[in-house]
N, C-alpha and C. Protein backbone atom coordinates (compact mmCIF):
# COMPACT_ATOMS: atom_id res chain seq x y z
N MET A 1 25.26 7.42 -19.11
CA MET A 1 25.29 7.06 -17.71
C MET A 1 26.46 6.12 -17.46
N SER A 2 26.96 6.12 -16.25
CA SER A 2 28.05 5.22 -15.89
C SER A 2 27.49 3.84 -15.61
N GLY A 3 28.38 2.87 -15.50
CA GLY A 3 27.97 1.50 -15.25
C GLY A 3 27.67 1.25 -13.79
N GLY A 4 27.89 2.25 -12.91
CA GLY A 4 27.66 2.08 -11.48
C GLY A 4 26.19 2.02 -11.14
N ASN A 5 25.90 1.48 -9.99
CA ASN A 5 24.52 1.40 -9.53
C ASN A 5 24.11 2.71 -8.89
N ILE A 6 22.88 3.11 -9.14
CA ILE A 6 22.32 4.30 -8.52
C ILE A 6 21.58 3.85 -7.28
N ASP A 7 21.94 4.43 -6.11
CA ASP A 7 21.31 3.97 -4.89
C ASP A 7 20.11 4.80 -4.48
N ARG A 8 19.91 5.97 -5.10
CA ARG A 8 18.71 6.77 -4.80
C ARG A 8 18.43 7.71 -5.97
N ILE A 9 17.15 8.09 -6.07
CA ILE A 9 16.69 8.94 -7.17
C ILE A 9 15.89 10.08 -6.55
N PRO A 10 16.06 11.31 -7.05
CA PRO A 10 15.25 12.42 -6.54
C PRO A 10 13.77 12.19 -6.85
N VAL A 11 12.93 12.46 -5.88
CA VAL A 11 11.49 12.27 -6.03
C VAL A 11 10.94 13.13 -7.16
N ASN A 12 11.51 14.33 -7.36
CA ASN A 12 10.98 15.22 -8.40
C ASN A 12 11.19 14.66 -9.81
N GLN A 13 11.99 13.61 -9.98
CA GLN A 13 12.18 12.99 -11.30
C GLN A 13 11.15 11.90 -11.59
N LEU A 14 10.41 11.49 -10.58
CA LEU A 14 9.47 10.38 -10.75
C LEU A 14 8.26 10.75 -11.62
N SER A 15 7.84 12.02 -11.59
CA SER A 15 6.71 12.44 -12.43
C SER A 15 7.03 12.22 -13.90
N ASP A 16 8.25 12.60 -14.30
CA ASP A 16 8.66 12.39 -15.70
C ASP A 16 8.85 10.91 -16.00
N ARG A 17 9.39 10.18 -15.05
CA ARG A 17 9.65 8.76 -15.25
C ARG A 17 8.36 8.00 -15.57
N TYR A 18 7.27 8.34 -14.83
CA TYR A 18 6.01 7.61 -15.01
C TYR A 18 4.98 8.39 -15.82
N LYS A 19 5.32 9.61 -16.26
CA LYS A 19 4.37 10.45 -17.02
C LYS A 19 3.09 10.66 -16.22
N LEU A 20 3.27 11.02 -14.93
CA LEU A 20 2.14 11.23 -14.02
C LEU A 20 2.28 12.59 -13.35
N ALA A 21 1.18 13.10 -12.86
CA ALA A 21 1.21 14.31 -12.05
C ALA A 21 1.92 13.99 -10.74
N ARG A 22 2.54 15.00 -10.15
CA ARG A 22 3.28 14.81 -8.91
C ARG A 22 2.38 14.23 -7.82
N SER A 23 1.13 14.69 -7.76
CA SER A 23 0.21 14.19 -6.73
C SER A 23 -0.05 12.69 -6.91
N ALA A 24 -0.11 12.22 -8.15
CA ALA A 24 -0.32 10.79 -8.41
C ALA A 24 0.88 9.97 -7.95
N VAL A 25 2.08 10.50 -8.17
CA VAL A 25 3.29 9.82 -7.72
C VAL A 25 3.29 9.72 -6.19
N TYR A 26 2.98 10.84 -5.52
CA TYR A 26 2.94 10.84 -4.06
C TYR A 26 1.87 9.88 -3.54
N LYS A 27 0.73 9.79 -4.22
CA LYS A 27 -0.33 8.87 -3.82
C LYS A 27 0.16 7.43 -3.90
N ARG A 28 0.84 7.09 -5.01
CA ARG A 28 1.38 5.74 -5.14
C ARG A 28 2.41 5.44 -4.05
N MET A 29 3.25 6.42 -3.77
CA MET A 29 4.26 6.24 -2.72
C MET A 29 3.58 5.99 -1.38
N ALA A 30 2.55 6.77 -1.08
CA ALA A 30 1.82 6.60 0.18
C ALA A 30 1.15 5.23 0.24
N ASP A 31 0.53 4.82 -0.87
CA ASP A 31 -0.14 3.52 -0.91
C ASP A 31 0.84 2.38 -0.66
N LEU A 32 2.07 2.53 -1.13
CA LEU A 32 3.07 1.48 -0.96
C LEU A 32 3.86 1.64 0.34
N GLY A 33 3.59 2.71 1.10
CA GLY A 33 4.30 2.93 2.35
C GLY A 33 5.73 3.41 2.15
N ILE A 34 5.99 4.03 1.02
CA ILE A 34 7.34 4.51 0.70
C ILE A 34 7.53 5.88 1.33
N GLU A 35 8.57 6.01 2.12
CA GLU A 35 8.90 7.28 2.75
C GLU A 35 10.12 7.87 2.06
N ARG A 36 10.08 9.18 1.86
CA ARG A 36 11.18 9.89 1.21
C ARG A 36 12.30 10.14 2.21
N GLU A 37 13.51 10.20 1.70
CA GLU A 37 14.65 10.58 2.52
C GLU A 37 15.03 12.00 2.12
N LYS A 38 14.99 12.92 3.08
CA LYS A 38 15.33 14.32 2.81
C LYS A 38 16.82 14.51 2.99
N ILE A 39 17.46 15.09 1.98
CA ILE A 39 18.86 15.48 2.06
C ILE A 39 18.91 16.92 1.59
N GLY A 40 19.14 17.82 2.51
CA GLY A 40 19.09 19.24 2.17
C GLY A 40 17.66 19.61 1.81
N ASN A 41 17.52 20.26 0.65
CA ASN A 41 16.19 20.67 0.18
C ASN A 41 15.56 19.65 -0.75
N ARG A 42 16.21 18.54 -1.00
CA ARG A 42 15.68 17.55 -1.94
C ARG A 42 15.25 16.28 -1.22
N ALA A 43 14.26 15.62 -1.80
CA ALA A 43 13.77 14.35 -1.27
C ALA A 43 14.16 13.25 -2.24
N TYR A 44 14.54 12.09 -1.71
CA TYR A 44 15.00 10.96 -2.52
C TYR A 44 14.26 9.70 -2.12
N VAL A 45 14.23 8.75 -3.06
CA VAL A 45 13.77 7.40 -2.77
C VAL A 45 14.89 6.45 -3.18
N SER A 46 14.94 5.31 -2.51
CA SER A 46 16.01 4.34 -2.78
C SER A 46 15.74 3.60 -4.08
N ALA A 47 16.79 2.96 -4.59
CA ALA A 47 16.66 2.16 -5.82
C ALA A 47 15.65 1.04 -5.61
N GLU A 48 15.64 0.45 -4.40
CA GLU A 48 14.68 -0.61 -4.08
C GLU A 48 13.24 -0.08 -4.16
N GLN A 49 13.03 1.13 -3.63
CA GLN A 49 11.70 1.73 -3.66
C GLN A 49 11.29 2.06 -5.10
N VAL A 50 12.23 2.53 -5.91
CA VAL A 50 11.94 2.83 -7.32
C VAL A 50 11.58 1.54 -8.06
N ALA A 51 12.28 0.45 -7.73
CA ALA A 51 11.97 -0.83 -8.37
C ALA A 51 10.53 -1.24 -8.05
N LEU A 52 10.10 -1.02 -6.81
CA LEU A 52 8.72 -1.34 -6.42
C LEU A 52 7.74 -0.43 -7.16
N LEU A 53 8.06 0.86 -7.27
CA LEU A 53 7.21 1.79 -8.03
C LEU A 53 7.15 1.40 -9.50
N ASP A 54 8.28 0.96 -10.06
CA ASP A 54 8.31 0.51 -11.45
C ASP A 54 7.40 -0.69 -11.65
N GLU A 55 7.46 -1.64 -10.71
CA GLU A 55 6.59 -2.82 -10.79
C GLU A 55 5.12 -2.40 -10.76
N LEU A 56 4.79 -1.50 -9.84
CA LEU A 56 3.41 -1.02 -9.74
C LEU A 56 2.98 -0.34 -11.03
N HIS A 57 3.84 0.51 -11.59
CA HIS A 57 3.51 1.23 -12.82
C HIS A 57 3.24 0.24 -13.96
N SER A 58 4.07 -0.79 -14.08
CA SER A 58 3.87 -1.82 -15.11
C SER A 58 2.57 -2.57 -14.88
N PHE A 59 2.29 -2.89 -13.62
CA PHE A 59 1.07 -3.62 -13.26
C PHE A 59 -0.17 -2.81 -13.64
N ILE A 60 -0.15 -1.51 -13.33
CA ILE A 60 -1.28 -0.64 -13.68
C ILE A 60 -1.40 -0.52 -15.19
N GLY A 61 -0.25 -0.51 -15.87
CA GLY A 61 -0.25 -0.39 -17.33
C GLY A 61 -0.93 -1.54 -18.05
N VAL A 62 -1.01 -2.70 -17.40
CA VAL A 62 -1.69 -3.85 -18.03
C VAL A 62 -3.07 -4.07 -17.44
N GLY A 63 -3.62 -3.03 -16.78
CA GLY A 63 -5.01 -3.10 -16.33
C GLY A 63 -5.20 -3.37 -14.85
N GLY A 64 -4.12 -3.50 -14.08
CA GLY A 64 -4.26 -3.73 -12.66
C GLY A 64 -4.51 -2.44 -11.91
N ASN A 65 -4.69 -2.55 -10.60
CA ASN A 65 -4.82 -1.35 -9.77
C ASN A 65 -3.96 -1.50 -8.53
N VAL A 66 -3.84 -0.43 -7.77
CA VAL A 66 -2.95 -0.42 -6.61
C VAL A 66 -3.34 -1.48 -5.60
N ALA A 67 -4.64 -1.60 -5.31
CA ALA A 67 -5.10 -2.56 -4.30
C ALA A 67 -4.74 -3.99 -4.71
N GLU A 68 -4.93 -4.32 -5.98
CA GLU A 68 -4.58 -5.66 -6.45
C GLU A 68 -3.07 -5.90 -6.34
N PHE A 69 -2.30 -4.88 -6.68
CA PHE A 69 -0.84 -5.00 -6.61
C PHE A 69 -0.40 -5.26 -5.17
N ILE A 70 -0.94 -4.49 -4.25
CA ILE A 70 -0.57 -4.64 -2.84
C ILE A 70 -0.94 -6.05 -2.36
N ALA A 71 -2.12 -6.52 -2.75
CA ALA A 71 -2.55 -7.86 -2.34
C ALA A 71 -1.66 -8.94 -2.94
N ARG A 72 -1.34 -8.81 -4.23
CA ARG A 72 -0.51 -9.82 -4.89
C ARG A 72 0.91 -9.85 -4.36
N LYS A 73 1.43 -8.70 -3.99
CA LYS A 73 2.80 -8.63 -3.46
C LYS A 73 2.84 -8.98 -1.98
N GLY A 74 1.67 -9.08 -1.33
CA GLY A 74 1.63 -9.37 0.10
C GLY A 74 2.04 -8.18 0.94
N LEU A 75 1.84 -7.00 0.40
CA LEU A 75 2.20 -5.77 1.12
C LEU A 75 0.99 -5.27 1.88
N ASP A 76 1.21 -4.64 3.02
CA ASP A 76 0.13 -4.00 3.76
C ASP A 76 0.51 -2.55 3.87
N LYS A 77 -0.22 -1.69 3.16
CA LYS A 77 0.21 -0.30 3.02
C LYS A 77 0.33 0.52 4.30
N PRO A 78 -0.51 0.37 5.35
CA PRO A 78 -0.37 1.28 6.48
C PRO A 78 0.94 1.11 7.26
N ASN A 79 1.36 -0.12 7.54
CA ASN A 79 2.51 -0.32 8.43
C ASN A 79 3.58 -1.18 7.78
N ARG A 80 3.80 -1.00 6.52
CA ARG A 80 4.79 -1.79 5.81
C ARG A 80 6.17 -1.45 6.32
N GLN A 81 6.93 -2.47 6.67
CA GLN A 81 8.29 -2.26 7.14
C GLN A 81 9.18 -3.26 6.44
N ILE A 82 10.35 -2.82 6.07
CA ILE A 82 11.31 -3.73 5.46
C ILE A 82 12.34 -4.07 6.53
N ASP A 83 12.47 -5.37 6.85
CA ASP A 83 13.45 -5.81 7.83
C ASP A 83 14.82 -5.86 7.19
N SER A 84 15.84 -5.60 7.97
CA SER A 84 17.20 -5.72 7.50
C SER A 84 17.94 -6.63 8.46
N ASP A 85 18.80 -7.48 7.89
CA ASP A 85 19.65 -8.26 8.77
C ASP A 85 20.87 -7.43 9.12
N SER A 86 21.82 -8.00 9.82
CA SER A 86 22.96 -7.22 10.30
C SER A 86 23.79 -6.66 9.16
N SER A 87 23.73 -7.25 7.97
CA SER A 87 24.50 -6.73 6.84
C SER A 87 23.78 -5.59 6.14
N GLY A 88 22.54 -5.28 6.59
CA GLY A 88 21.78 -4.20 5.97
C GLY A 88 20.97 -4.66 4.77
N GLN A 89 21.02 -5.94 4.45
CA GLN A 89 20.27 -6.48 3.31
C GLN A 89 18.82 -6.72 3.70
N SER A 90 17.94 -6.53 2.77
CA SER A 90 16.52 -6.74 3.03
C SER A 90 16.28 -8.23 3.21
N SER A 91 15.53 -8.59 4.24
CA SER A 91 15.25 -10.00 4.48
C SER A 91 13.77 -10.32 4.28
N GLY A 92 12.96 -9.36 3.83
CA GLY A 92 11.55 -9.61 3.59
C GLY A 92 10.68 -8.58 4.27
N LEU A 93 9.41 -8.87 4.33
CA LEU A 93 8.46 -7.93 4.92
C LEU A 93 8.00 -8.46 6.27
N ALA A 94 7.87 -7.55 7.22
CA ALA A 94 7.39 -7.93 8.54
C ALA A 94 5.94 -7.48 8.67
N LEU A 95 5.04 -8.42 8.91
CA LEU A 95 3.64 -8.09 9.12
C LEU A 95 3.24 -8.62 10.48
N ASP A 96 2.67 -7.77 11.30
CA ASP A 96 2.19 -8.28 12.57
C ASP A 96 0.80 -8.87 12.36
N GLN A 97 0.24 -9.46 13.40
CA GLN A 97 -1.03 -10.17 13.27
C GLN A 97 -2.16 -9.24 12.82
N SER A 98 -2.22 -8.01 13.35
CA SER A 98 -3.30 -7.10 12.95
C SER A 98 -3.16 -6.70 11.48
N ASP A 99 -1.92 -6.57 11.01
CA ASP A 99 -1.72 -6.27 9.59
C ASP A 99 -2.23 -7.41 8.71
N MET A 100 -1.95 -8.64 9.14
CA MET A 100 -2.37 -9.80 8.37
C MET A 100 -3.90 -9.88 8.33
N VAL A 101 -4.55 -9.59 9.45
CA VAL A 101 -6.01 -9.61 9.51
C VAL A 101 -6.58 -8.55 8.56
N LYS A 102 -5.98 -7.35 8.55
CA LYS A 102 -6.43 -6.29 7.65
C LYS A 102 -6.29 -6.71 6.19
N LEU A 103 -5.16 -7.33 5.88
CA LEU A 103 -4.91 -7.77 4.50
C LEU A 103 -5.93 -8.82 4.08
N ILE A 104 -6.14 -9.81 4.93
CA ILE A 104 -7.11 -10.87 4.60
C ILE A 104 -8.51 -10.31 4.49
N SER A 105 -8.87 -9.37 5.36
CA SER A 105 -10.19 -8.73 5.29
C SER A 105 -10.36 -7.96 3.99
N ALA A 106 -9.32 -7.24 3.58
CA ALA A 106 -9.39 -6.48 2.33
C ALA A 106 -9.54 -7.40 1.14
N ILE A 107 -8.82 -8.51 1.12
CA ILE A 107 -8.92 -9.48 0.02
C ILE A 107 -10.32 -10.10 -0.01
N ALA A 108 -10.83 -10.48 1.17
CA ALA A 108 -12.17 -11.07 1.24
C ALA A 108 -13.23 -10.08 0.76
N ALA A 109 -13.11 -8.81 1.17
CA ALA A 109 -14.08 -7.80 0.75
C ALA A 109 -14.03 -7.60 -0.76
N GLU A 110 -12.83 -7.58 -1.32
CA GLU A 110 -12.68 -7.42 -2.78
C GLU A 110 -13.29 -8.61 -3.51
N MET A 111 -13.06 -9.82 -3.01
CA MET A 111 -13.63 -11.01 -3.64
C MET A 111 -15.15 -10.99 -3.55
N ALA A 112 -15.69 -10.63 -2.40
CA ALA A 112 -17.15 -10.57 -2.23
C ALA A 112 -17.74 -9.53 -3.16
N ASN A 113 -17.07 -8.40 -3.30
CA ASN A 113 -17.54 -7.34 -4.18
C ASN A 113 -17.58 -7.82 -5.63
N ASN A 114 -16.57 -8.59 -6.04
CA ASN A 114 -16.52 -9.09 -7.41
C ASN A 114 -17.53 -10.20 -7.66
N LEU A 115 -17.96 -10.90 -6.63
CA LEU A 115 -18.92 -11.99 -6.81
C LEU A 115 -20.36 -11.52 -6.85
N GLN A 116 -20.64 -10.33 -6.31
CA GLN A 116 -22.01 -9.83 -6.30
C GLN A 116 -22.43 -9.41 -7.70
N PRO A 117 -23.60 -9.85 -8.15
CA PRO A 117 -24.05 -9.42 -9.47
C PRO A 117 -24.38 -7.93 -9.44
N SER A 118 -24.19 -7.31 -10.55
CA SER A 118 -24.49 -5.88 -10.66
C SER A 118 -25.99 -5.67 -10.50
N LEU A 119 -26.37 -4.71 -9.66
CA LEU A 119 -27.78 -4.43 -9.42
C LEU A 119 -28.38 -3.54 -10.50
N ALA A 120 -27.53 -2.80 -11.19
CA ALA A 120 -28.01 -1.90 -12.24
C ALA A 120 -28.28 -2.71 -13.51
N PRO A 121 -29.39 -2.41 -14.18
CA PRO A 121 -29.64 -3.13 -15.43
C PRO A 121 -28.61 -2.70 -16.47
N PRO A 122 -28.34 -3.57 -17.43
CA PRO A 122 -27.37 -3.19 -18.46
C PRO A 122 -27.89 -1.99 -19.25
N PRO A 123 -26.99 -1.13 -19.71
CA PRO A 123 -27.46 0.04 -20.46
C PRO A 123 -28.11 -0.38 -21.78
N ASP A 124 -29.12 0.36 -22.16
CA ASP A 124 -29.83 0.10 -23.41
C ASP A 124 -28.98 0.60 -24.57
N PRO A 125 -28.53 -0.30 -25.45
CA PRO A 125 -27.66 0.14 -26.56
C PRO A 125 -28.38 1.03 -27.57
N LEU A 126 -29.68 1.08 -27.51
CA LEU A 126 -30.44 1.90 -28.46
C LEU A 126 -30.97 3.18 -27.83
N ALA A 127 -30.59 3.48 -26.61
CA ALA A 127 -31.09 4.66 -25.90
C ALA A 127 -30.73 5.95 -26.63
N TYR A 128 -29.61 5.95 -27.35
CA TYR A 128 -29.23 7.18 -28.02
C TYR A 128 -30.23 7.57 -29.11
N TYR A 129 -30.96 6.59 -29.68
CA TYR A 129 -31.99 6.91 -30.67
C TYR A 129 -33.08 7.78 -30.03
N GLU A 130 -33.48 7.43 -28.80
CA GLU A 130 -34.49 8.21 -28.10
C GLU A 130 -34.04 9.65 -27.91
N THR A 131 -32.80 9.81 -27.50
CA THR A 131 -32.25 11.15 -27.27
C THR A 131 -32.22 11.94 -28.58
N LEU A 132 -31.80 11.29 -29.67
CA LEU A 132 -31.75 11.98 -30.96
C LEU A 132 -33.17 12.32 -31.43
N GLU A 133 -34.10 11.42 -31.18
CA GLU A 133 -35.50 11.67 -31.55
C GLU A 133 -36.03 12.90 -30.80
N LYS A 134 -35.76 12.99 -29.49
CA LYS A 134 -36.19 14.15 -28.69
C LYS A 134 -35.54 15.43 -29.21
N ALA A 135 -34.26 15.35 -29.55
CA ALA A 135 -33.54 16.53 -30.04
C ALA A 135 -34.13 16.99 -31.37
N ALA A 136 -34.49 16.05 -32.23
CA ALA A 136 -35.08 16.40 -33.53
C ALA A 136 -36.47 17.02 -33.33
N ARG A 137 -37.30 16.43 -32.47
CA ARG A 137 -38.64 16.96 -32.21
C ARG A 137 -38.57 18.34 -31.58
N GLY A 138 -37.63 18.53 -30.65
CA GLY A 138 -37.55 19.79 -29.93
C GLY A 138 -36.74 20.86 -30.64
N GLY A 139 -36.13 20.53 -31.77
CA GLY A 139 -35.30 21.50 -32.47
C GLY A 139 -34.06 21.88 -31.67
N TRP A 140 -33.58 20.94 -30.85
CA TRP A 140 -32.43 21.21 -29.99
C TRP A 140 -31.16 21.30 -30.81
N LYS A 141 -30.26 22.12 -30.35
CA LYS A 141 -28.92 22.23 -30.95
C LYS A 141 -27.93 21.63 -29.97
N LEU A 142 -27.37 20.50 -30.35
CA LEU A 142 -26.45 19.78 -29.48
C LEU A 142 -25.01 20.24 -29.69
N ARG A 143 -24.25 20.29 -28.62
CA ARG A 143 -22.81 20.59 -28.71
C ARG A 143 -22.10 19.43 -29.41
N THR A 144 -20.96 19.71 -29.99
CA THR A 144 -20.16 18.66 -30.62
C THR A 144 -19.82 17.58 -29.61
N SER A 145 -19.45 17.96 -28.38
CA SER A 145 -19.09 16.97 -27.36
C SER A 145 -20.28 16.09 -26.99
N GLU A 146 -21.48 16.67 -26.93
CA GLU A 146 -22.68 15.89 -26.62
C GLU A 146 -22.98 14.90 -27.75
N LEU A 147 -22.84 15.36 -28.96
CA LEU A 147 -23.08 14.51 -30.12
C LEU A 147 -22.04 13.39 -30.19
N ALA A 148 -20.79 13.74 -29.91
CA ALA A 148 -19.72 12.74 -29.92
C ALA A 148 -20.01 11.65 -28.90
N ASN A 149 -20.48 12.04 -27.73
CA ASN A 149 -20.81 11.07 -26.70
C ASN A 149 -21.96 10.17 -27.14
N LEU A 150 -22.99 10.75 -27.70
CA LEU A 150 -24.15 9.95 -28.16
C LEU A 150 -23.78 8.98 -29.27
N LEU A 151 -23.01 9.44 -30.25
CA LEU A 151 -22.69 8.62 -31.41
C LEU A 151 -21.42 7.79 -31.24
N GLN A 152 -20.77 7.94 -30.09
CA GLN A 152 -19.52 7.25 -29.79
C GLN A 152 -18.47 7.52 -30.87
N LEU A 153 -18.32 8.81 -31.18
CA LEU A 153 -17.31 9.30 -32.11
C LEU A 153 -16.46 10.33 -31.37
N THR A 154 -15.36 10.71 -31.96
CA THR A 154 -14.56 11.78 -31.36
C THR A 154 -15.07 13.12 -31.86
N PRO A 155 -14.91 14.18 -31.07
CA PRO A 155 -15.31 15.51 -31.54
C PRO A 155 -14.57 15.90 -32.84
N GLN A 156 -13.32 15.50 -32.96
CA GLN A 156 -12.56 15.81 -34.18
C GLN A 156 -13.18 15.12 -35.39
N GLU A 157 -13.63 13.90 -35.21
CA GLU A 157 -14.26 13.18 -36.31
C GLU A 157 -15.54 13.88 -36.74
N ILE A 158 -16.35 14.29 -35.80
CA ILE A 158 -17.59 15.00 -36.12
C ILE A 158 -17.29 16.31 -36.84
N ASN A 159 -16.32 17.07 -36.33
CA ASN A 159 -15.98 18.35 -36.97
C ASN A 159 -15.41 18.17 -38.37
N SER A 160 -14.86 16.99 -38.66
CA SER A 160 -14.29 16.75 -39.99
C SER A 160 -15.37 16.46 -41.04
N TYR A 161 -16.61 16.26 -40.63
CA TYR A 161 -17.67 15.90 -41.57
C TYR A 161 -18.20 17.09 -42.38
N GLY A 162 -17.77 18.28 -42.07
CA GLY A 162 -18.24 19.44 -42.83
C GLY A 162 -19.50 20.03 -42.25
N GLN A 163 -20.35 20.61 -43.12
CA GLN A 163 -21.56 21.31 -42.68
C GLN A 163 -22.70 20.37 -42.33
N THR A 164 -22.76 19.21 -42.98
CA THR A 164 -23.87 18.28 -42.79
C THR A 164 -23.34 16.85 -42.82
N PHE A 165 -23.90 16.01 -41.95
CA PHE A 165 -23.61 14.58 -42.07
C PHE A 165 -24.83 13.79 -41.62
N TYR A 166 -24.85 12.53 -42.01
CA TYR A 166 -25.98 11.65 -41.75
C TYR A 166 -25.51 10.47 -40.92
N GLU A 167 -26.33 10.09 -39.95
CA GLU A 167 -25.99 8.94 -39.11
C GLU A 167 -27.26 8.43 -38.47
N ALA A 168 -27.45 7.12 -38.51
CA ALA A 168 -28.54 6.43 -37.81
C ALA A 168 -29.92 6.99 -38.17
N GLY A 169 -30.10 7.44 -39.42
CA GLY A 169 -31.40 7.95 -39.84
C GLY A 169 -31.65 9.40 -39.46
N PHE A 170 -30.64 10.09 -39.01
CA PHE A 170 -30.77 11.49 -38.63
C PHE A 170 -29.81 12.33 -39.46
N VAL A 171 -30.16 13.61 -39.61
CA VAL A 171 -29.33 14.57 -40.33
C VAL A 171 -28.81 15.55 -39.28
N PHE A 172 -27.53 15.85 -39.36
CA PHE A 172 -26.89 16.77 -38.42
C PHE A 172 -26.32 17.93 -39.22
N ASN A 173 -26.86 19.13 -38.99
CA ASN A 173 -26.42 20.34 -39.69
C ASN A 173 -25.76 21.30 -38.71
N ARG A 174 -24.62 21.86 -39.13
CA ARG A 174 -23.98 22.89 -38.31
C ARG A 174 -24.94 24.05 -38.18
N ALA A 175 -25.09 24.57 -36.94
CA ALA A 175 -26.06 25.64 -36.71
C ALA A 175 -25.48 26.66 -35.72
N GLY A 176 -24.30 27.15 -36.01
CA GLY A 176 -23.69 28.16 -35.15
C GLY A 176 -22.84 27.55 -34.06
N TYR A 177 -22.80 28.28 -32.94
CA TYR A 177 -21.94 27.86 -31.83
C TYR A 177 -22.71 27.91 -30.53
N ARG A 178 -22.32 27.06 -29.60
CA ARG A 178 -22.87 27.05 -28.25
C ARG A 178 -21.88 27.73 -27.31
N SER A 179 -22.30 27.93 -26.07
CA SER A 179 -21.40 28.55 -25.10
C SER A 179 -20.13 27.72 -25.00
N GLY A 180 -19.03 28.38 -24.79
CA GLY A 180 -17.74 27.69 -24.73
C GLY A 180 -17.12 27.53 -26.10
N GLY A 181 -17.77 28.01 -27.14
CA GLY A 181 -17.19 27.97 -28.48
C GLY A 181 -17.38 26.68 -29.24
N GLU A 182 -18.12 25.73 -28.67
CA GLU A 182 -18.34 24.47 -29.39
C GLU A 182 -19.35 24.66 -30.51
N THR A 183 -19.15 23.94 -31.59
CA THR A 183 -20.09 23.97 -32.70
C THR A 183 -21.43 23.40 -32.24
N ALA A 184 -22.51 24.04 -32.67
CA ALA A 184 -23.86 23.54 -32.38
C ALA A 184 -24.35 22.76 -33.60
N TRP A 185 -25.05 21.67 -33.36
CA TRP A 185 -25.57 20.82 -34.43
C TRP A 185 -27.08 20.70 -34.27
N LEU A 186 -27.81 21.04 -35.34
CA LEU A 186 -29.26 20.88 -35.35
C LEU A 186 -29.55 19.47 -35.83
N VAL A 187 -30.37 18.75 -35.06
CA VAL A 187 -30.70 17.35 -35.36
C VAL A 187 -32.07 17.31 -36.01
N SER A 188 -32.17 16.58 -37.12
CA SER A 188 -33.48 16.37 -37.77
C SER A 188 -33.53 14.96 -38.33
N LYS A 189 -34.73 14.51 -38.64
CA LYS A 189 -34.90 13.17 -39.22
C LYS A 189 -34.51 13.23 -40.68
N GLY A 190 -33.86 12.21 -41.14
CA GLY A 190 -33.40 12.18 -42.53
C GLY A 190 -33.81 10.90 -43.22
N ASN A 191 -33.61 10.89 -44.53
CA ASN A 191 -33.97 9.72 -45.34
C ASN A 191 -32.75 9.15 -46.04
N ARG A 192 -31.64 9.21 -45.43
CA ARG A 192 -30.45 8.73 -46.12
C ARG A 192 -29.96 7.47 -45.53
């Protein structure tokens, strides 16, 4: 690449840049109020807009979400406008009073939501024993994916165990295939 500055990037390159589906890129652009510039048959975004998308992508990569990013940056997604002075340089964000009220309301709602205790009881860490017990009593044949979910293992790990494996006092034997081609596993009580 040359040492010159790039002032715009084709929108169709953003999916590769962020390793996202095109629809996800467009969703992020809409959330940030980024509008594309059409030149011929191609759509472009400015370097400034790409910098904002890059910041959002990094923020999401460390566990944040779009709403938090917008709140932290002081952006209001519906009517975001970038003011320019006479030289064309960005001078900041213009928010009218209704935009500010919406932003404060959204922040207050998010804070209230985070302060409310969860109404659902915590999941029972031993519930999978009950399910395995029912499967053993009923002679059920579980799919690899179902077993992986119950035992918190990957399907590849389960398939690597061979014909039989033991876990949590149960024996799991390969017993043919289920619909969709997944291996079926017969669950029984074991003494290992």
